Amino acid sequence: MADKDAKFEALQQHGTLNPRPKEVRDELFLQDEFFDPRDLVQVKYEMLRRVQAEGQSVTEASANFGFSRPSFYQALSAFEQAGLAGLVPHKRGPKQAHKLTDEVLTFIGEQRQKEPSVRLPDLVKLVQDRFGIRVHPRSIERSLLRHQKKLR
C-alpha cells in the first residue's frame, strides 16, 4: 500500500495523475497491476498503441481509455511530435508575466529608483493608473526577483 501511495504522490507532483482513472475500462488496466489507470501517460500511450499496433478503432479505444475522440487525436499529434514526452501534460495558462511588458517593468524600475521604499500595493496602483492594467502584487514581486537573479 505504501508503494501505491508513493506512486500516487509522484504522479500528482509531476502533473501526470489521471483525473478520471475510473473511466479507464480497458481489460489490461482492470486485470494487471502493471497497468495503472492513475498514470495518465501510460493510459494515453496504451490507447495510442491499441489503435496503431492492434487496429482498434479510435472510437472504441477512446471510450475504453476514458478519452474523447478529439483528445485521442491531440495525444496522437503530441506523441508524433515529441514522442513519449509529448504525452506529459503541460501547465495551463500564461507561461510568463504577459502583462508585465518591458515598458511596464521599466516604469516599475523608475518608480523604485525614485522611491526605494515604495510598497507593492502602491506599485500596483501606479501601474494601473499609468497603463490601465491590473497586476497582482505577487506578479510584480516575482518579476523583481527574476530581475535580481539576472544581475547576479
N, C-alpha and C. Protein backbone atom coordinates (compact mmCIF):
# COMPACT_ATOMS: atom_id res chain seq x y z
N MET A 1 0.82 -1.20 0.00
CA MET A 1 0.00 0.00 0.00
C MET A 1 0.86 1.27 0.00
N ALA A 2 2.00 1.21 0.69
CA ALA A 2 2.90 2.37 0.74
C ALA A 2 3.43 2.70 -0.65
N ASP A 3 3.72 1.63 -1.46
CA ASP A 3 4.21 1.87 -2.83
C ASP A 3 3.15 2.59 -3.65
N LYS A 4 1.89 2.18 -3.51
CA LYS A 4 0.82 2.83 -4.27
C LYS A 4 0.68 4.29 -3.85
N ASP A 5 0.79 4.56 -2.55
CA ASP A 5 0.68 5.94 -2.08
C ASP A 5 1.85 6.77 -2.61
N ALA A 6 3.05 6.19 -2.63
CA ALA A 6 4.22 6.90 -3.15
C ALA A 6 4.04 7.20 -4.63
N LYS A 7 3.51 6.24 -5.37
CA LYS A 7 3.30 6.46 -6.80
C LYS A 7 2.23 7.53 -7.01
N PHE A 8 1.17 7.48 -6.22
CA PHE A 8 0.12 8.50 -6.30
C PHE A 8 0.72 9.88 -6.08
N GLU A 9 1.55 10.00 -5.05
CA GLU A 9 2.19 11.29 -4.73
C GLU A 9 3.08 11.75 -5.89
N ALA A 10 3.85 10.81 -6.46
CA ALA A 10 4.76 11.16 -7.57
C ALA A 10 3.97 11.59 -8.80
N LEU A 11 2.91 10.86 -9.12
CA LEU A 11 2.08 11.22 -10.28
C LEU A 11 1.47 12.60 -10.08
N GLN A 12 1.00 12.85 -8.88
CA GLN A 12 0.38 14.13 -8.58
C GLN A 12 1.41 15.26 -8.67
N GLN A 13 2.58 15.03 -8.12
CA GLN A 13 3.63 16.05 -8.12
C GLN A 13 4.08 16.40 -9.53
N HIS A 14 4.14 15.41 -10.41
CA HIS A 14 4.63 15.63 -11.77
C HIS A 14 3.52 16.01 -12.74
N GLY A 15 2.30 16.12 -12.25
CA GLY A 15 1.18 16.52 -13.10
C GLY A 15 0.72 15.44 -14.05
N THR A 16 1.02 14.17 -13.74
CA THR A 16 0.64 13.07 -14.63
C THR A 16 -0.40 12.16 -13.99
N LEU A 17 -1.07 12.64 -12.96
CA LEU A 17 -2.14 11.87 -12.32
C LEU A 17 -3.39 11.99 -13.18
N ASN A 18 -3.92 10.85 -13.60
CA ASN A 18 -5.13 10.84 -14.43
C ASN A 18 -6.31 11.34 -13.59
N PRO A 19 -6.97 12.40 -14.00
CA PRO A 19 -8.09 12.92 -13.22
C PRO A 19 -9.33 12.01 -13.25
N ARG A 20 -9.37 11.07 -14.21
CA ARG A 20 -10.54 10.19 -14.34
C ARG A 20 -10.12 8.72 -14.45
N PRO A 21 -9.42 8.17 -13.47
CA PRO A 21 -8.95 6.78 -13.59
C PRO A 21 -10.09 5.77 -13.63
N LYS A 22 -11.22 6.12 -13.06
CA LYS A 22 -12.36 5.18 -13.04
C LYS A 22 -13.01 5.04 -14.41
N GLU A 23 -12.71 5.95 -15.32
CA GLU A 23 -13.27 5.88 -16.67
C GLU A 23 -12.46 4.95 -17.59
N VAL A 24 -11.30 4.49 -17.11
CA VAL A 24 -10.47 3.56 -17.88
C VAL A 24 -11.08 2.18 -17.73
N ARG A 25 -11.60 1.64 -18.84
CA ARG A 25 -12.28 0.34 -18.80
C ARG A 25 -11.55 -0.72 -19.63
N ASP A 26 -10.36 -0.42 -20.07
CA ASP A 26 -9.59 -1.38 -20.85
C ASP A 26 -9.26 -2.59 -19.96
N GLU A 27 -9.36 -3.78 -20.54
CA GLU A 27 -9.18 -5.02 -19.75
C GLU A 27 -7.81 -5.12 -19.10
N LEU A 28 -6.76 -4.72 -19.79
CA LEU A 28 -5.43 -4.80 -19.19
C LEU A 28 -5.34 -3.96 -17.91
N PHE A 29 -5.94 -2.81 -17.93
CA PHE A 29 -5.90 -1.93 -16.76
C PHE A 29 -6.78 -2.46 -15.63
N LEU A 30 -7.73 -3.31 -15.96
CA LEU A 30 -8.60 -3.88 -14.93
C LEU A 30 -8.02 -5.18 -14.35
N GLN A 31 -7.16 -5.86 -15.12
CA GLN A 31 -6.69 -7.18 -14.72
C GLN A 31 -5.25 -7.23 -14.25
N ASP A 32 -4.40 -6.33 -14.71
CA ASP A 32 -2.97 -6.43 -14.46
C ASP A 32 -2.49 -5.19 -13.69
N GLU A 33 -1.84 -5.39 -12.55
CA GLU A 33 -1.38 -4.27 -11.72
C GLU A 33 -0.33 -3.41 -12.40
N PHE A 34 0.38 -3.98 -13.38
CA PHE A 34 1.39 -3.20 -14.11
C PHE A 34 0.74 -2.01 -14.79
N PHE A 35 -0.46 -2.20 -15.29
CA PHE A 35 -1.19 -1.13 -15.98
C PHE A 35 -1.97 -0.34 -14.94
N ASP A 36 -1.58 0.90 -14.75
CA ASP A 36 -2.15 1.74 -13.69
C ASP A 36 -3.04 2.82 -14.30
N PRO A 37 -4.34 2.75 -14.08
CA PRO A 37 -5.25 3.76 -14.66
C PRO A 37 -5.02 5.17 -14.11
N ARG A 38 -4.27 5.28 -13.01
CA ARG A 38 -3.97 6.61 -12.46
C ARG A 38 -2.85 7.30 -13.21
N ASP A 39 -2.06 6.54 -13.97
CA ASP A 39 -0.90 7.06 -14.69
C ASP A 39 -1.34 7.56 -16.07
N LEU A 40 -1.52 8.86 -16.19
CA LEU A 40 -2.07 9.46 -17.40
C LEU A 40 -1.21 9.18 -18.63
N VAL A 41 0.10 9.23 -18.50
CA VAL A 41 0.98 8.98 -19.63
C VAL A 41 0.85 7.54 -20.10
N GLN A 42 0.81 6.61 -19.16
CA GLN A 42 0.67 5.19 -19.51
C GLN A 42 -0.68 4.93 -20.19
N VAL A 43 -1.72 5.54 -19.68
CA VAL A 43 -3.05 5.36 -20.27
C VAL A 43 -3.09 5.90 -21.70
N LYS A 44 -2.57 7.10 -21.90
CA LYS A 44 -2.57 7.69 -23.24
C LYS A 44 -1.74 6.84 -24.21
N TYR A 45 -0.55 6.42 -23.76
CA TYR A 45 0.31 5.63 -24.63
C TYR A 45 -0.37 4.32 -25.03
N GLU A 46 -0.97 3.67 -24.06
CA GLU A 46 -1.61 2.38 -24.35
C GLU A 46 -2.81 2.58 -25.28
N MET A 47 -3.52 3.69 -25.13
CA MET A 47 -4.64 3.99 -26.02
C MET A 47 -4.12 4.16 -27.45
N LEU A 48 -3.04 4.91 -27.61
CA LEU A 48 -2.46 5.12 -28.94
C LEU A 48 -1.95 3.80 -29.52
N ARG A 49 -1.28 3.01 -28.70
CA ARG A 49 -0.72 1.73 -29.15
C ARG A 49 -1.83 0.78 -29.58
N ARG A 50 -2.93 0.80 -28.86
CA ARG A 50 -4.04 -0.09 -29.18
C ARG A 50 -4.57 0.21 -30.59
N VAL A 51 -4.63 1.48 -30.94
CA VAL A 51 -5.12 1.86 -32.28
C VAL A 51 -4.05 1.58 -33.33
N GLN A 52 -2.83 2.03 -33.08
CA GLN A 52 -1.76 1.93 -34.07
C GLN A 52 -1.29 0.49 -34.30
N ALA A 53 -1.08 -0.26 -33.22
CA ALA A 53 -0.48 -1.60 -33.34
C ALA A 53 -1.51 -2.71 -33.47
N GLU A 54 -2.68 -2.51 -32.84
CA GLU A 54 -3.67 -3.58 -32.83
C GLU A 54 -4.88 -3.31 -33.72
N GLY A 55 -4.94 -2.10 -34.27
CA GLY A 55 -6.01 -1.78 -35.20
C GLY A 55 -7.37 -1.52 -34.57
N GLN A 56 -7.39 -1.26 -33.29
CA GLN A 56 -8.67 -0.94 -32.64
C GLN A 56 -9.16 0.42 -33.17
N SER A 57 -10.44 0.59 -33.26
CA SER A 57 -10.96 1.86 -33.78
C SER A 57 -10.69 2.99 -32.78
N VAL A 58 -10.57 4.19 -33.29
CA VAL A 58 -10.34 5.36 -32.44
C VAL A 58 -11.51 5.53 -31.47
N THR A 59 -12.72 5.32 -31.96
CA THR A 59 -13.90 5.47 -31.11
C THR A 59 -13.87 4.49 -29.95
N GLU A 60 -13.57 3.24 -30.25
CA GLU A 60 -13.54 2.21 -29.21
C GLU A 60 -12.40 2.45 -28.22
N ALA A 61 -11.23 2.75 -28.73
CA ALA A 61 -10.08 2.98 -27.84
C ALA A 61 -10.32 4.20 -26.95
N SER A 62 -10.83 5.26 -27.54
CA SER A 62 -11.10 6.47 -26.76
C SER A 62 -12.06 6.17 -25.61
N ALA A 63 -13.11 5.45 -25.92
CA ALA A 63 -14.10 5.11 -24.89
C ALA A 63 -13.50 4.21 -23.81
N ASN A 64 -12.71 3.22 -24.22
CA ASN A 64 -12.13 2.28 -23.26
C ASN A 64 -11.09 2.93 -22.34
N PHE A 65 -10.48 4.00 -22.80
CA PHE A 65 -9.43 4.64 -22.02
C PHE A 65 -9.89 5.95 -21.37
N GLY A 66 -11.17 6.26 -21.51
CA GLY A 66 -11.74 7.42 -20.82
C GLY A 66 -11.45 8.75 -21.47
N PHE A 67 -11.26 8.75 -22.79
CA PHE A 67 -10.99 9.99 -23.51
C PHE A 67 -12.02 10.21 -24.61
N SER A 68 -12.08 11.43 -25.08
CA SER A 68 -12.92 11.74 -26.24
C SER A 68 -12.09 11.51 -27.50
N ARG A 69 -12.76 11.47 -28.63
CA ARG A 69 -12.03 11.33 -29.90
C ARG A 69 -11.08 12.51 -30.13
N PRO A 70 -11.52 13.76 -29.90
CA PRO A 70 -10.57 14.87 -30.07
C PRO A 70 -9.34 14.74 -29.16
N SER A 71 -9.54 14.24 -27.95
CA SER A 71 -8.41 14.04 -27.03
C SER A 71 -7.46 12.98 -27.57
N PHE A 72 -8.02 11.96 -28.21
CA PHE A 72 -7.18 10.93 -28.83
C PHE A 72 -6.28 11.58 -29.88
N TYR A 73 -6.87 12.38 -30.76
CA TYR A 73 -6.11 12.99 -31.84
C TYR A 73 -5.08 14.00 -31.32
N GLN A 74 -5.42 14.69 -30.23
CA GLN A 74 -4.45 15.59 -29.61
C GLN A 74 -3.26 14.80 -29.07
N ALA A 75 -3.55 13.67 -28.41
CA ALA A 75 -2.49 12.82 -27.87
C ALA A 75 -1.64 12.25 -29.00
N LEU A 76 -2.28 11.84 -30.07
CA LEU A 76 -1.56 11.29 -31.22
C LEU A 76 -0.62 12.34 -31.81
N SER A 77 -1.10 13.53 -31.99
CA SER A 77 -0.29 14.61 -32.55
C SER A 77 0.90 14.92 -31.63
N ALA A 78 0.63 15.01 -30.33
CA ALA A 78 1.70 15.29 -29.37
C ALA A 78 2.75 14.19 -29.38
N PHE A 79 2.30 12.93 -29.47
CA PHE A 79 3.21 11.79 -29.50
C PHE A 79 4.05 11.80 -30.78
N GLU A 80 3.43 12.10 -31.90
CA GLU A 80 4.15 12.14 -33.17
C GLU A 80 5.19 13.26 -33.19
N GLN A 81 4.92 14.35 -32.51
CA GLN A 81 5.84 15.48 -32.49
C GLN A 81 6.96 15.31 -31.48
N ALA A 82 6.65 14.74 -30.30
CA ALA A 82 7.64 14.74 -29.21
C ALA A 82 7.86 13.38 -28.58
N GLY A 83 7.27 12.33 -29.12
CA GLY A 83 7.43 11.02 -28.51
C GLY A 83 6.70 10.93 -27.18
N LEU A 84 7.18 10.07 -26.33
CA LEU A 84 6.54 9.85 -25.04
C LEU A 84 6.43 11.13 -24.21
N ALA A 85 7.43 11.99 -24.31
CA ALA A 85 7.41 13.25 -23.57
C ALA A 85 6.23 14.13 -23.99
N GLY A 86 5.75 13.96 -25.21
CA GLY A 86 4.60 14.74 -25.67
C GLY A 86 3.31 14.38 -24.96
N LEU A 87 3.28 13.21 -24.31
CA LEU A 87 2.08 12.80 -23.60
C LEU A 87 2.00 13.36 -22.18
N VAL A 88 3.10 13.95 -21.72
CA VAL A 88 3.11 14.56 -20.39
C VAL A 88 2.35 15.88 -20.48
N PRO A 89 1.35 16.08 -19.63
CA PRO A 89 0.57 17.33 -19.69
C PRO A 89 1.44 18.55 -19.41
N HIS A 90 1.12 19.65 -20.06
CA HIS A 90 1.83 20.90 -19.84
C HIS A 90 0.98 21.77 -18.93
N LYS A 91 1.65 22.65 -18.21
CA LYS A 91 0.91 23.57 -17.36
C LYS A 91 0.04 24.47 -18.24
N ARG A 92 -1.16 24.72 -17.75
CA ARG A 92 -2.08 25.58 -18.48
C ARG A 92 -1.85 27.02 -18.08
N GLY A 93 -2.39 27.91 -18.86
CA GLY A 93 -2.32 29.32 -18.54
C GLY A 93 -1.08 29.99 -19.10
N PRO A 94 -0.93 31.27 -18.79
CA PRO A 94 0.21 32.03 -19.30
C PRO A 94 1.53 31.43 -18.82
N LYS A 95 2.52 31.44 -19.68
CA LYS A 95 3.82 30.87 -19.34
C LYS A 95 4.78 31.93 -18.81
N GLN A 96 4.38 33.17 -18.88
CA GLN A 96 5.23 34.26 -18.41
C GLN A 96 4.34 35.41 -17.98
N ALA A 97 4.96 36.41 -17.40
CA ALA A 97 4.21 37.57 -16.94
C ALA A 97 3.84 38.41 -18.16
N HIS A 98 2.73 38.07 -18.81
CA HIS A 98 2.36 38.71 -20.07
C HIS A 98 1.91 40.16 -19.92
N LYS A 99 1.48 40.54 -18.74
CA LYS A 99 1.08 41.94 -18.55
C LYS A 99 2.29 42.82 -18.25
N LEU A 100 3.32 42.20 -17.68
CA LEU A 100 4.50 42.97 -17.31
C LEU A 100 5.46 43.05 -18.50
N THR A 101 5.11 43.90 -19.43
CA THR A 101 5.94 44.11 -20.62
C THR A 101 7.20 44.86 -20.22
N ASP A 102 8.13 44.97 -21.15
CA ASP A 102 9.36 45.72 -20.88
C ASP A 102 9.04 47.16 -20.47
N GLU A 103 8.05 47.75 -21.13
CA GLU A 103 7.67 49.13 -20.81
C GLU A 103 7.17 49.24 -19.36
N VAL A 104 6.35 48.29 -18.93
CA VAL A 104 5.81 48.31 -17.56
C VAL A 104 6.94 48.07 -16.56
N LEU A 105 7.82 47.13 -16.87
CA LEU A 105 8.94 46.83 -15.97
C LEU A 105 9.89 48.02 -15.85
N THR A 106 10.10 48.72 -16.94
CA THR A 106 10.95 49.92 -16.90
C THR A 106 10.30 50.97 -16.00
N PHE A 107 9.00 51.14 -16.15
CA PHE A 107 8.26 52.08 -15.31
C PHE A 107 8.38 51.71 -13.83
N ILE A 108 8.23 50.42 -13.51
CA ILE A 108 8.34 49.97 -12.12
C ILE A 108 9.75 50.26 -11.60
N GLY A 109 10.75 49.97 -12.43
CA GLY A 109 12.13 50.24 -12.03
C GLY A 109 12.36 51.72 -11.74
N GLU A 110 11.80 52.57 -12.59
CA GLU A 110 11.93 54.02 -12.39
C GLU A 110 11.27 54.45 -11.08
N GLN A 111 10.09 53.90 -10.82
CA GLN A 111 9.38 54.26 -9.59
C GLN A 111 10.16 53.82 -8.35
N ARG A 112 10.79 52.65 -8.44
CA ARG A 112 11.58 52.14 -7.31
C ARG A 112 12.86 52.96 -7.13
N GLN A 113 13.40 53.51 -8.24
CA GLN A 113 14.58 54.36 -8.13
C GLN A 113 14.22 55.69 -7.46
N LYS A 114 13.08 56.23 -7.85
CA LYS A 114 12.63 57.49 -7.25
C LYS A 114 12.35 57.31 -5.76
N GLU A 115 11.69 56.22 -5.44
CA GLU A 115 11.28 55.95 -4.05
C GLU A 115 11.57 54.48 -3.73
N PRO A 116 12.78 54.15 -3.25
CA PRO A 116 13.16 52.75 -3.00
C PRO A 116 12.26 52.01 -2.02
N SER A 117 11.59 52.73 -1.15
CA SER A 117 10.75 52.06 -0.15
C SER A 117 9.30 51.91 -0.61
N VAL A 118 9.02 52.16 -1.90
CA VAL A 118 7.65 52.05 -2.40
C VAL A 118 7.17 50.61 -2.23
N ARG A 119 5.94 50.47 -1.74
CA ARG A 119 5.38 49.14 -1.46
C ARG A 119 4.69 48.58 -2.70
N LEU A 120 4.57 47.24 -2.71
CA LEU A 120 3.96 46.57 -3.86
C LEU A 120 2.54 47.05 -4.16
N PRO A 121 1.67 47.20 -3.13
CA PRO A 121 0.31 47.70 -3.44
C PRO A 121 0.33 49.08 -4.10
N ASP A 122 1.32 49.90 -3.72
CA ASP A 122 1.44 51.22 -4.33
C ASP A 122 1.89 51.11 -5.79
N LEU A 123 2.80 50.16 -6.05
CA LEU A 123 3.23 49.92 -7.43
C LEU A 123 2.07 49.44 -8.29
N VAL A 124 1.24 48.57 -7.71
CA VAL A 124 0.06 48.07 -8.43
C VAL A 124 -0.82 49.25 -8.85
N LYS A 125 -1.05 50.15 -7.94
CA LYS A 125 -1.89 51.32 -8.21
C LYS A 125 -1.26 52.21 -9.27
N LEU A 126 0.05 52.43 -9.16
CA LEU A 126 0.74 53.26 -10.14
C LEU A 126 0.67 52.65 -11.55
N VAL A 127 0.87 51.34 -11.63
CA VAL A 127 0.80 50.65 -12.93
C VAL A 127 -0.61 50.74 -13.49
N GLN A 128 -1.61 50.56 -12.63
CA GLN A 128 -2.99 50.63 -13.10
C GLN A 128 -3.32 52.04 -13.59
N ASP A 129 -2.88 53.03 -12.87
CA ASP A 129 -3.15 54.41 -13.27
C ASP A 129 -2.46 54.76 -14.59
N ARG A 130 -1.23 54.30 -14.75
CA ARG A 130 -0.44 54.67 -15.93
C ARG A 130 -0.81 53.85 -17.17
N PHE A 131 -1.00 52.52 -16.99
CA PHE A 131 -1.18 51.64 -18.15
C PHE A 131 -2.61 51.08 -18.29
N GLY A 132 -3.41 51.27 -17.25
CA GLY A 132 -4.78 50.77 -17.31
C GLY A 132 -4.88 49.26 -17.19
N ILE A 133 -3.88 48.62 -16.61
CA ILE A 133 -3.92 47.17 -16.42
C ILE A 133 -3.83 46.83 -14.94
N ARG A 134 -4.49 45.74 -14.59
CA ARG A 134 -4.44 45.27 -13.20
C ARG A 134 -3.39 44.17 -13.11
N VAL A 135 -2.47 44.36 -12.19
CA VAL A 135 -1.40 43.40 -11.98
C VAL A 135 -1.41 43.01 -10.52
N HIS A 136 -1.25 41.73 -10.26
CA HIS A 136 -1.22 41.26 -8.88
C HIS A 136 0.13 41.63 -8.25
N PRO A 137 0.12 42.04 -6.98
CA PRO A 137 1.39 42.38 -6.32
C PRO A 137 2.43 41.25 -6.38
N ARG A 138 1.96 40.02 -6.30
CA ARG A 138 2.89 38.88 -6.35
C ARG A 138 3.56 38.77 -7.72
N SER A 139 2.86 39.15 -8.77
CA SER A 139 3.46 39.14 -10.11
C SER A 139 4.61 40.14 -10.19
N ILE A 140 4.41 41.29 -9.61
CA ILE A 140 5.47 42.30 -9.59
C ILE A 140 6.64 41.79 -8.75
N GLU A 141 6.33 41.21 -7.61
CA GLU A 141 7.38 40.69 -6.73
C GLU A 141 8.22 39.62 -7.44
N ARG A 142 7.55 38.68 -8.11
CA ARG A 142 8.27 37.62 -8.84
C ARG A 142 9.14 38.21 -9.94
N SER A 143 8.61 39.20 -10.63
CA SER A 143 9.36 39.83 -11.71
C SER A 143 10.61 40.52 -11.16
N LEU A 144 10.46 41.20 -10.04
CA LEU A 144 11.61 41.87 -9.43
C LEU A 144 12.66 40.85 -8.97
N LEU A 145 12.19 39.73 -8.43
CA LEU A 145 13.13 38.67 -8.01
C LEU A 145 13.87 38.09 -9.20
N ARG A 146 13.16 37.86 -10.32
CA ARG A 146 13.82 37.36 -11.54
C ARG A 146 14.87 38.34 -12.03
N HIS A 147 14.54 39.61 -11.95
CA HIS A 147 15.47 40.65 -12.40
C HIS A 147 16.72 40.65 -11.52
N GLN A 148 16.55 40.49 -10.22
CA GLN A 148 17.69 40.45 -9.29
C GLN A 148 18.58 39.26 -9.58
N LYS A 149 17.97 38.10 -9.90
CA LYS A 149 18.74 36.90 -10.21
C LYS A 149 19.58 37.09 -11.46
N LYS A 150 19.04 37.80 -12.45
CA LYS A 150 19.77 38.05 -13.70
C LYS A 150 21.00 38.91 -13.43
N LEU A 151 20.92 39.81 -12.45
CA LEU A 151 22.02 40.71 -12.17
C LEU A 151 23.17 40.01 -11.46
N ARG A 152 22.90 38.86 -10.85
CA ARG A 152 23.95 38.13 -10.11
C ARG A 152 24.92 37.46 -11.01
